[in-house]
PDB file of N, CA and C in Angstrom:
ATOM      1  N   MET A   1     -22.509  21.581   0.888  1.00  0.00           N
ATOM      2  CA  MET A   1     -23.184  21.173   2.104  1.00  0.00           C
ATOM      3  C   MET A   1     -22.296  21.576   3.288  1.00  0.00           C
ATOM      4  N   PRO A   2     -22.839  22.313   4.213  1.00  0.00           N
ATOM      5  CA  PRO A   2     -22.031  22.772   5.352  1.00  0.00           C
ATOM      6  C   PRO A   2     -21.644  21.601   6.264  1.00  0.00           C
ATOM      7  N   ARG A   3     -20.497  21.776   6.904  1.00  0.00           N
ATOM      8  CA  ARG A   3     -20.024  20.789   7.875  1.00  0.00           C
ATOM      9  C   ARG A   3     -20.105  21.400   9.263  1.00  0.00           C
ATOM     10  N   TYR A   4     -20.165  20.521  10.233  1.00  0.00           N
ATOM     11  CA  TYR A   4     -20.345  20.953  11.613  1.00  0.00           C
ATOM     12  C   TYR A   4     -19.302  20.307  12.507  1.00  0.00           C
ATOM     13  N   LYS A   5     -19.084  20.924  13.648  1.00  0.00           N
ATOM     14  CA  LYS A   5     -18.227  20.371  14.685  1.00  0.00           C
ATOM     15  C   LYS A   5     -18.994  20.412  15.995  1.00  0.00           C
ATOM     16  N   LEU A   6     -18.594  19.559  16.911  1.00  0.00           N
ATOM     17  CA  LEU A   6     -19.212  19.558  18.237  1.00  0.00           C
ATOM     18  C   LEU A   6     -18.319  20.319  19.198  1.00  0.00           C
ATOM     19  N   VAL A   7     -18.910  21.296  19.882  1.00  0.00           N
ATOM     20  CA  VAL A   7     -18.217  22.065  20.910  1.00  0.00           C
ATOM     21  C   VAL A   7     -19.071  21.998  22.160  1.00  0.00           C
ATOM     22  N   ASN A   8     -18.543  21.325  23.186  1.00  0.00           N
ATOM     23  CA  ASN A   8     -19.273  21.143  24.438  1.00  0.00           C
ATOM     24  C   ASN A   8     -20.658  20.554  24.208  1.00  0.00           C
ATOM     25  N   GLY A   9     -20.718  19.589  23.273  1.00  0.00           N
ATOM     26  CA  GLY A   9     -21.973  18.913  22.999  1.00  0.00           C
ATOM     27  C   GLY A   9     -22.921  19.690  22.101  1.00  0.00           C
ATOM     28  N   ILE A  10     -22.495  20.837  21.578  1.00  0.00           N
ATOM     29  CA  ILE A  10     -23.350  21.653  20.711  1.00  0.00           C
ATOM     30  C   ILE A  10     -22.794  21.600  19.295  1.00  0.00           C
ATOM     31  N   SER A  11     -23.653  21.351  18.327  1.00  0.00           N
ATOM     32  CA  SER A  11     -23.250  21.300  16.928  1.00  0.00           C
ATOM     33  C   SER A  11     -23.145  22.716  16.376  1.00  0.00           C
ATOM     34  N   ILE A  12     -21.935  23.052  15.888  1.00  0.00           N
ATOM     35  CA  ILE A  12     -21.672  24.395  15.370  1.00  0.00           C
ATOM     36  C   ILE A  12     -21.142  24.270  13.946  1.00  0.00           C
ATOM     37  N   GLN A  13     -21.671  25.102  13.043  1.00  0.00           N
ATOM     38  CA  GLN A  13     -21.218  25.068  11.660  1.00  0.00           C
ATOM     39  C   GLN A  13     -19.778  25.583  11.571  1.00  0.00           C
ATOM     40  N   LEU A  14     -18.984  24.934  10.719  1.00  0.00           N
ATOM     41  CA  LEU A  14     -17.607  25.358  10.527  1.00  0.00           C
ATOM     42  C   LEU A  14     -17.565  26.717   9.837  1.00  0.00           C
ATOM     43  N   THR A  15     -16.570  27.517  10.206  1.00  0.00           N
ATOM     44  CA  THR A  15     -16.378  28.800   9.532  1.00  0.00           C
ATOM     45  C   THR A  15     -15.775  28.543   8.153  1.00  0.00           C
ATOM     46  N   ALA A  16     -15.742  29.562   7.308  1.00  0.00           N
ATOM     47  CA  ALA A  16     -15.152  29.429   5.977  1.00  0.00           C
ATOM     48  C   ALA A  16     -13.686  29.015   6.079  1.00  0.00           C
ATOM     49  N   GLU A  17     -12.983  29.578   7.054  1.00  0.00           N
ATOM     50  CA  GLU A  17     -11.583  29.225   7.254  1.00  0.00           C
ATOM     51  C   GLU A  17     -11.429  27.762   7.672  1.00  0.00           C
ATOM     52  N   GLU A  18     -12.287  27.307   8.559  1.00  0.00           N
ATOM     53  CA  GLU A  18     -12.256  25.909   8.993  1.00  0.00           C
ATOM     54  C   GLU A  18     -12.624  24.978   7.844  1.00  0.00           C
ATOM     55  N   GLU A  19     -13.588  25.397   7.016  1.00  0.00           N
ATOM     56  CA  GLU A  19     -13.971  24.599   5.847  1.00  0.00           C
ATOM     57  C   GLU A  19     -12.786  24.455   4.896  1.00  0.00           C
ATOM     58  N   ALA A  20     -12.082  25.567   4.639  1.00  0.00           N
ATOM     59  CA  ALA A  20     -10.928  25.551   3.740  1.00  0.00           C
ATOM     60  C   ALA A  20      -9.836  24.647   4.292  1.00  0.00           C
ATOM     61  N   LEU A  21      -9.595  24.712   5.588  1.00  0.00           N
ATOM     62  CA  LEU A  21      -8.588  23.867   6.224  1.00  0.00           C
ATOM     63  C   LEU A  21      -8.971  22.397   6.103  1.00  0.00           C
ATOM     64  N   ARG A  22     -10.232  22.109   6.349  1.00  0.00           N
ATOM     65  CA  ARG A  22     -10.715  20.729   6.251  1.00  0.00           C
ATOM     66  C   ARG A  22     -10.599  20.219   4.814  1.00  0.00           C
ATOM     67  N   ASP A  23     -10.949  21.064   3.840  1.00  0.00           N
ATOM     68  CA  ASP A  23     -10.820  20.692   2.430  1.00  0.00           C
ATOM     69  C   ASP A  23      -9.362  20.372   2.093  1.00  0.00           C
ATOM     70  N   ALA A  24      -8.436  21.180   2.590  1.00  0.00           N
ATOM     71  CA  ALA A  24      -7.011  20.958   2.341  1.00  0.00           C
ATOM     72  C   ALA A  24      -6.554  19.642   2.971  1.00  0.00           C
ATOM     73  N   GLU A  25      -7.037  19.341   4.170  1.00  0.00           N
ATOM     74  CA  GLU A  25      -6.683  18.081   4.830  1.00  0.00           C
ATOM     75  C   GLU A  25      -7.202  16.886   4.032  1.00  0.00           C
ATOM     76  N   GLU A  26      -8.435  16.987   3.563  1.00  0.00           N
ATOM     77  CA  GLU A  26      -9.021  15.891   2.787  1.00  0.00           C
ATOM     78  C   GLU A  26      -8.289  15.712   1.462  1.00  0.00           C
ATOM     79  N   GLN A  27      -7.882  16.804   0.832  1.00  0.00           N
ATOM     80  CA  GLN A  27      -7.148  16.721  -0.426  1.00  0.00           C
ATOM     81  C   GLN A  27      -5.773  16.101  -0.192  1.00  0.00           C
ATOM     82  N   ALA A  28      -5.123  16.476   0.891  1.00  0.00           N
ATOM     83  CA  ALA A  28      -3.812  15.900   1.208  1.00  0.00           C
ATOM     84  C   ALA A  28      -3.940  14.395   1.433  1.00  0.00           C
ATOM     85  N   TRP A  29      -4.993  13.968   2.098  1.00  0.00           N
ATOM     86  CA  TRP A  29      -5.227  12.537   2.332  1.00  0.00           C
ATOM     87  C   TRP A  29      -5.443  11.822   0.999  1.00  0.00           C
ATOM     88  N   ALA A  30      -6.269  12.401   0.139  1.00  0.00           N
ATOM     89  CA  ALA A  30      -6.537  11.794  -1.163  1.00  0.00           C
ATOM     90  C   ALA A  30      -5.271  11.742  -2.009  1.00  0.00           C
ATOM     91  N   ASP A  31      -4.458  12.779  -1.965  1.00  0.00           N
ATOM     92  CA  ASP A  31      -3.221  12.823  -2.741  1.00  0.00           C
ATOM     93  C   ASP A  31      -2.233  11.751  -2.304  1.00  0.00           C
ATOM     94  N   GLY A  32      -2.310  11.320  -1.060  1.00  0.00           N
ATOM     95  CA  GLY A  32      -1.386  10.312  -0.549  1.00  0.00           C
ATOM     96  C   GLY A  32      -1.873   8.886  -0.722  1.00  0.00           C
ATOM     97  N   ALA A  33      -3.014   8.686  -1.361  1.00  0.00           N
ATOM     98  CA  ALA A  33      -3.591   7.352  -1.490  1.00  0.00           C
ATOM     99  C   ALA A  33      -2.658   6.393  -2.225  1.00  0.00           C
ATOM    100  N   PHE A  34      -2.042   6.848  -3.310  1.00  0.00           N
ATOM    101  CA  PHE A  34      -1.153   5.973  -4.075  1.00  0.00           C
ATOM    102  C   PHE A  34       0.051   5.557  -3.236  1.00  0.00           C
ATOM    103  N   ASP A  35       0.648   6.516  -2.549  1.00  0.00           N
ATOM    104  CA  ASP A  35       1.821   6.205  -1.726  1.00  0.00           C
ATOM    105  C   ASP A  35       1.471   5.219  -0.613  1.00  0.00           C
ATOM    106  N   ARG A  36       0.296   5.377  -0.004  1.00  0.00           N
ATOM    107  CA  ARG A  36      -0.118   4.444   1.038  1.00  0.00           C
ATOM    108  C   ARG A  36      -0.358   3.050   0.467  1.00  0.00           C
ATOM    109  N   ALA A  37      -0.985   2.972  -0.703  1.00  0.00           N
ATOM    110  CA  ALA A  37      -1.251   1.677  -1.337  1.00  0.00           C
ATOM    111  C   ALA A  37       0.060   0.983  -1.699  1.00  0.00           C
ATOM    112  N   MET A  38       1.019   1.748  -2.244  1.00  0.00           N
ATOM    113  CA  MET A  38       2.317   1.166  -2.600  1.00  0.00           C
ATOM    114  C   MET A  38       3.068   0.697  -1.355  1.00  0.00           C
ATOM    115  N   ALA A  39       3.018   1.460  -0.288  1.00  0.00           N
ATOM    116  CA  ALA A  39       3.690   1.064   0.952  1.00  0.00           C
ATOM    117  C   ALA A  39       3.107  -0.243   1.477  1.00  0.00           C
ATOM    118  N   ASP A  40       1.793  -0.388   1.390  1.00  0.00           N
ATOM    119  CA  ASP A  40       1.150  -1.618   1.849  1.00  0.00           C
ATOM    120  C   ASP A  40       1.569  -2.792   0.970  1.00  0.00           C
ATOM    121  N   LEU A  41       1.578  -2.590  -0.342  1.00  0.00           N
ATOM    122  CA  LEU A  41       1.980  -3.657  -1.256  1.00  0.00           C
ATOM    123  C   LEU A  41       3.437  -4.056  -1.016  1.00  0.00           C
ATOM    124  N   ARG A  42       4.308  -3.075  -0.840  1.00  0.00           N
ATOM    125  CA  ARG A  42       5.720  -3.375  -0.582  1.00  0.00           C
ATOM    126  C   ARG A  42       5.894  -4.147   0.727  1.00  0.00           C
ATOM    127  N   GLN A  43       5.125  -3.783   1.738  1.00  0.00           N
ATOM    128  CA  GLN A  43       5.213  -4.479   3.021  1.00  0.00           C
ATOM    129  C   GLN A  43       4.799  -5.939   2.851  1.00  0.00           C
ATOM    130  N   ARG A  44       3.713  -6.178   2.117  1.00  0.00           N
ATOM    131  CA  ARG A  44       3.272  -7.564   1.883  1.00  0.00           C
ATOM    132  C   ARG A  44       4.321  -8.326   1.082  1.00  0.00           C
ATOM    133  N   ARG A  45       4.853  -7.679   0.037  1.00  0.00           N
ATOM    134  CA  ARG A  45       5.876  -8.299  -0.795  1.00  0.00           C
ATOM    135  C   ARG A  45       7.121  -8.632   0.022  1.00  0.00           C
ATOM    136  N   ASN A  46       7.576  -7.685   0.828  1.00  0.00           N
ATOM    137  CA  ASN A  46       8.775  -7.903   1.635  1.00  0.00           C
ATOM    138  C   ASN A  46       8.579  -9.027   2.641  1.00  0.00           C
ATOM    139  N   SER A  47       7.394  -9.119   3.196  1.00  0.00           N
ATOM    140  CA  SER A  47       7.089 -10.199   4.129  1.00  0.00           C
ATOM    141  C   SER A  47       7.170 -11.553   3.429  1.00  0.00           C
ATOM    142  N   LEU A  48       6.607 -11.633   2.245  1.00  0.00           N
ATOM    143  CA  LEU A  48       6.660 -12.898   1.496  1.00  0.00           C
ATOM    144  C   LEU A  48       8.090 -13.248   1.090  1.00  0.00           C
ATOM    145  N   LEU A  49       8.862 -12.253   0.683  1.00  0.00           N
ATOM    146  CA  LEU A  49      10.261 -12.513   0.350  1.00  0.00           C
ATOM    147  C   LEU A  49      11.044 -13.005   1.567  1.00  0.00           C
ATOM    148  N   SER A  50      10.798 -12.384   2.705  1.00  0.00           N
ATOM    149  CA  SER A  50      11.542 -12.773   3.908  1.00  0.00           C
ATOM    150  C   SER A  50      11.222 -14.210   4.330  1.00  0.00           C
ATOM    151  N   GLN A  51      10.028 -14.684   3.991  1.00  0.00           N
ATOM    152  CA  GLN A  51       9.659 -16.059   4.329  1.00  0.00           C
ATOM    153  C   GLN A  51      10.442 -17.088   3.521  1.00  0.00           C
ATOM    154  N   THR A  52      11.048 -16.652   2.413  1.00  0.00           N
ATOM    155  CA  THR A  52      11.826 -17.587   1.588  1.00  0.00           C
ATOM    156  C   THR A  52      13.310 -17.211   1.538  1.00  0.00           C
ATOM    157  N   ASP A  53      13.723 -16.222   2.307  1.00  0.00           N
ATOM    158  CA  ASP A  53      15.125 -15.801   2.301  1.00  0.00           C
ATOM    159  C   ASP A  53      16.075 -16.939   2.653  1.00  0.00           C
ATOM    160  N   TYR A  54      15.674 -17.783   3.585  1.00  0.00           N
ATOM    161  CA  TYR A  54      16.567 -18.862   4.013  1.00  0.00           C
ATOM    162  C   TYR A  54      16.896 -19.804   2.856  1.00  0.00           C
ATOM    163  N   LEU A  55      16.003 -19.862   1.862  1.00  0.00           N
ATOM    164  CA  LEU A  55      16.241 -20.736   0.716  1.00  0.00           C
ATOM    165  C   LEU A  55      17.302 -20.163  -0.227  1.00  0.00           C
ATOM    166  N   ALA A  56      17.531 -18.855  -0.130  1.00  0.00           N
ATOM    167  CA  ALA A  56      18.470 -18.193  -1.036  1.00  0.00           C
ATOM    168  C   ALA A  56      19.863 -18.045  -0.422  1.00  0.00           C
ATOM    169  N   LEU A  57      20.116 -18.693   0.703  1.00  0.00           N
ATOM    170  CA  LEU A  57      21.438 -18.633   1.315  1.00  0.00           C
ATOM    171  C   LEU A  57      22.457 -19.347   0.436  1.00  0.00           C
ATOM    172  N   SER A  58      23.719 -19.024   0.625  1.00  0.00           N
ATOM    173  CA  SER A  58      24.769 -19.547  -0.252  1.00  0.00           C
ATOM    174  C   SER A  58      24.903 -21.069  -0.203  1.00  0.00           C
ATOM    175  N   ASP A  59      24.458 -21.689   0.889  1.00  0.00           N
ATOM    176  CA  ASP A  59      24.595 -23.146   0.971  1.00  0.00           C
ATOM    177  C   ASP A  59      23.369 -23.882   0.422  1.00  0.00           C
ATOM    178  N   ASN A  60      22.431 -23.150  -0.148  1.00  0.00           N
ATOM    179  CA  ASN A  60      21.238 -23.743  -0.767  1.00  0.00           C
ATOM    180  C   ASN A  60      21.222 -23.419  -2.253  1.00  0.00           C
ATOM    181  N   THR A  61      20.579 -24.284  -2.999  1.00  0.00           N
ATOM    182  CA  THR A  61      20.356 -24.021  -4.421  1.00  0.00           C
ATOM    183  C   THR A  61      18.862 -23.815  -4.618  1.00  0.00           C
ATOM    184  N   LEU A  62      18.509 -22.646  -5.123  1.00  0.00           N
ATOM    185  CA  LEU A  62      17.094 -22.350  -5.360  1.00  0.00           C
ATOM    186  C   LEU A  62      16.573 -23.150  -6.538  1.00  0.00           C
ATOM    187  N   SER A  63      15.383 -23.676  -6.383  1.00  0.00           N
ATOM    188  CA  SER A  63      14.747 -24.322  -7.526  1.00  0.00           C
ATOM    189  C   SER A  63      14.363 -23.242  -8.531  1.00  0.00           C
ATOM    190  N   SER A  64      14.157 -23.645  -9.738  1.00  0.00           N
ATOM    191  CA  SER A  64      13.761 -22.706 -10.788  1.00  0.00           C
ATOM    192  C   SER A  64      12.434 -22.036 -10.433  1.00  0.00           C
ATOM    193  N   ASP A  65      11.494 -22.818  -9.902  1.00  0.00           N
ATOM    194  CA  ASP A  65      10.184 -22.272  -9.524  1.00  0.00           C
ATOM    195  C   ASP A  65      10.315 -21.240  -8.408  1.00  0.00           C
ATOM    196  N   MET A  66      11.163 -21.524  -7.426  1.00  0.00           N
ATOM    197  CA  MET A  66      11.332 -20.592  -6.312  1.00  0.00           C
ATOM    198  C   MET A  66      12.043 -19.328  -6.780  1.00  0.00           C
ATOM    199  N   SER A  67      13.021 -19.473  -7.642  1.00  0.00           N
ATOM    200  CA  SER A  67      13.714 -18.316  -8.178  1.00  0.00           C
ATOM    201  C   SER A  67      12.753 -17.424  -8.976  1.00  0.00           C
ATOM    202  N   THR A  68      11.900 -18.054  -9.776  1.00  0.00           N
ATOM    203  CA  THR A  68      10.897 -17.317 -10.559  1.00  0.00           C
ATOM    204  C   THR A  68       9.905 -16.620  -9.639  1.00  0.00           C
ATOM    205  N   TYR A  69       9.481 -17.298  -8.582  1.00  0.00           N
ATOM    206  CA  TYR A  69       8.551 -16.724  -7.604  1.00  0.00           C
ATOM    207  C   TYR A  69       9.158 -15.497  -6.927  1.00  0.00           C
ATOM    208  N   ARG A  70      10.382 -15.624  -6.476  1.00  0.00           N
ATOM    209  CA  ARG A  70      11.034 -14.508  -5.793  1.00  0.00           C
ATOM    210  C   ARG A  70      11.247 -13.328  -6.740  1.00  0.00           C
ATOM    211  N   GLN A  71      11.586 -13.602  -7.982  1.00  0.00           N
ATOM    212  CA  GLN A  71      11.752 -12.515  -8.947  1.00  0.00           C
ATOM    213  C   GLN A  71      10.409 -11.843  -9.235  1.00  0.00           C
ATOM    214  N   ALA A  72       9.348 -12.630  -9.332  1.00  0.00           N
ATOM    215  CA  ALA A  72       8.015 -12.063  -9.564  1.00  0.00           C
ATOM    216  C   ALA A  72       7.615 -11.152  -8.399  1.00  0.00           C
ATOM    217  N   LEU A  73       7.960 -11.552  -7.184  1.00  0.00           N
ATOM    218  CA  LEU A  73       7.671 -10.702  -6.030  1.00  0.00           C
ATOM    219  C   LEU A  73       8.471  -9.402  -6.103  1.00  0.00           C
ATOM    220  N   ARG A  74       9.742  -9.498  -6.461  1.00  0.00           N
ATOM    221  CA  ARG A  74      10.567  -8.282  -6.560  1.00  0.00           C
ATOM    222  C   ARG A  74      10.052  -7.345  -7.647  1.00  0.00           C
ATOM    223  N   ASP A  75       9.498  -7.895  -8.713  1.00  0.00           N
ATOM    224  CA  ASP A  75       9.018  -7.093  -9.841  1.00  0.00           C
ATOM    225  C   ASP A  75       7.583  -6.601  -9.675  1.00  0.00           C
ATOM    226  N   ILE A  76       6.923  -6.981  -8.612  1.00  0.00           N
ATOM    227  CA  ILE A  76       5.481  -6.749  -8.467  1.00  0.00           C
ATOM    228  C   ILE A  76       5.083  -5.265  -8.473  1.00  0.00           C
ATOM    229  N   THR A  77       5.978  -4.390  -8.084  1.00  0.00           N
ATOM    230  CA  THR A  77       5.630  -2.961  -8.028  1.00  0.00           C
ATOM    231  C   THR A  77       6.011  -2.211  -9.303  1.00  0.00           C
ATOM    232  N   ASN A  78       6.673  -2.871 -10.229  1.00  0.00           N
ATOM    233  CA  ASN A  78       7.118  -2.210 -11.457  1.00  0.00           C
ATOM    234  C   ASN A  78       5.937  -1.730 -12.296  1.00  0.00           C
ATOM    235  N   GLY A  79       5.994  -0.495 -12.741  1.00  0.00           N
ATOM    236  CA  GLY A  79       5.016   0.037 -13.685  1.00  0.00           C
ATOM    237  C   GLY A  79       3.680   0.441 -13.104  1.00  0.00           C
ATOM    238  N   LEU A  80       3.515   0.362 -11.803  1.00  0.00           N
ATOM    239  CA  LEU A  80       2.237   0.742 -11.197  1.00  0.00           C
ATOM    240  C   LEU A  80       2.175   2.260 -11.054  1.00  0.00           C
ATOM    241  N   THR A  81       1.070   2.855 -11.516  1.00  0.00           N
ATOM    242  CA  THR A  81       0.959   4.311 -11.473  1.00  0.00           C
ATOM    243  C   THR A  81      -0.318   4.814 -10.824  1.00  0.00           C
ATOM    244  N   THR A  82      -1.264   3.916 -10.553  1.00  0.00           N
ATOM    245  CA  THR A  82      -2.525   4.349  -9.940  1.00  0.00           C
ATOM    246  C   THR A  82      -2.888   3.431  -8.779  1.00  0.00           C
ATOM    247  N   VAL A  83      -3.733   3.922  -7.912  1.00  0.00           N
ATOM    248  CA  VAL A  83      -4.221   3.124  -6.786  1.00  0.00           C
ATOM    249  C   VAL A  83      -4.967   1.899  -7.304  1.00  0.00           C
ATOM    250  N   GLU A  84      -5.718   2.081  -8.372  1.00  0.00           N
ATOM    251  CA  GLU A  84      -6.485   0.971  -8.941  1.00  0.00           C
ATOM    252  C   GLU A  84      -5.558  -0.147  -9.412  1.00  0.00           C
ATOM    253  N   GLU A  85      -4.437   0.222 -10.042  1.00  0.00           N
ATOM    254  CA  GLU A  85      -3.470  -0.788 -10.479  1.00  0.00           C
ATOM    255  C   GLU A  85      -2.865  -1.508  -9.288  1.00  0.00           C
ATOM    256  N   VAL A  86      -2.547  -0.775  -8.255  1.00  0.00           N
ATOM    257  CA  VAL A  86      -1.973  -1.387  -7.051  1.00  0.00           C
ATOM    258  C   VAL A  86      -2.974  -2.356  -6.433  1.00  0.00           C
ATOM    259  N   ASN A  87      -4.228  -1.937  -6.345  1.00  0.00           N
ATOM    260  CA  ASN A  87      -5.250  -2.792  -5.743  1.00  0.00           C
ATOM    261  C   ASN A  87      -5.563  -4.021  -6.583  1.00  0.00           C
ATOM    262  N   ALA A  88      -5.257  -3.967  -7.884  1.00  0.00           N
ATOM    263  CA  ALA A  88      -5.537  -5.094  -8.783  1.00  0.00           C
ATOM    264  C   ALA A  88      -4.392  -6.101  -8.845  1.00  0.00           C
ATOM    265  N   VAL A  89      -3.276  -5.813  -8.168  1.00  0.00           N
ATOM    266  CA  VAL A  89      -2.123  -6.720  -8.206  1.00  0.00           C
ATOM    267  C   VAL A  89      -2.510  -8.067  -7.614  1.00  0.00           C
ATOM    268  N   ILE A  90      -2.108  -9.102  -8.307  1.00  0.00           N
ATOM    269  CA  ILE A  90      -2.335 -10.469  -7.823  1.00  0.00           C
ATOM    270  C   ILE A  90      -0.986 -11.016  -7.364  1.00  0.00           C
ATOM    271  N   ILE A  91      -0.919 -11.381  -6.110  1.00  0.00           N
ATOM    272  CA  ILE A  91       0.303 -11.936  -5.529  1.00  0.00           C
ATOM    273  C   ILE A  91       0.516 -13.341  -6.098  1.00  0.00           C
ATOM    274  N   PRO A  92       1.716 -13.632  -6.604  1.00  0.00           N
ATOM    275  CA  PRO A  92       1.953 -14.974  -7.157  1.00  0.00           C
ATOM    276  C   PRO A  92       1.891 -16.040  -6.051  1.00  0.00           C
ATOM    277  N   ASN A  93       1.562 -17.237  -6.468  1.00  0.00           N
ATOM    278  CA  ASN A  93       1.504 -18.356  -5.523  1.00  0.00           C
ATOM    279  C   ASN A  93       2.910 -18.883  -5.252  1.00  0.00           C
ATOM    280  N   LYS A  94       3.159 -19.161  -4.003  1.00  0.00           N
ATOM    281  CA  LYS A  94       4.457 -19.702  -3.588  1.00  0.00           C
ATOM    282  C   LYS A  94       4.546 -21.157  -4.027  1.00  0.00           C
ATOM    283  N   PRO A  95       5.650 -21.519  -4.696  1.00  0.00           N
ATOM    284  CA  PRO A  95       5.814 -22.925  -5.084  1.00  0.00           C
ATOM    285  C   PRO A  95       6.039 -23.797  -3.846  1.00  0.00           C
ATOM    286  N   THR A  96       5.790 -25.059  -3.994  1.00  0.00           N
ATOM    287  CA  THR A  96       5.908 -25.964  -2.842  1.00  0.00           C
ATOM    288  C   THR A  96       7.361 -26.230  -2.458  1.00  0.00           C
ATOM    289  N   THR A  97       8.275 -26.135  -3.404  1.00  0.00           N
ATOM    290  CA  THR A  97       9.680 -26.346  -3.064  1.00  0.00           C
ATOM    291  C   THR A  97      10.553 -25.286  -3.655  1.00  0.00           C
TER     292      THR A  97
END
């Protein structure tokens, strides 16, 4: 199916060269989907870890539940190889103490 661009308000069909360039751009975007999904997951994970960092200071003793929670967050990206796996990750619930 041909693609079009607007030039001065007029719809013009893309040339073969423009089509090839557009195809390459779309493929590059699709190829980066996993990296973008992982970056988003890491950002969410890092944010959650930072919310409990104060509990891990040397003058505090982490509860077993909090230690397990923080380790689960650190391990959350292990073994993920597809966008679908990244999107299926379930963030663990933060313990109350």
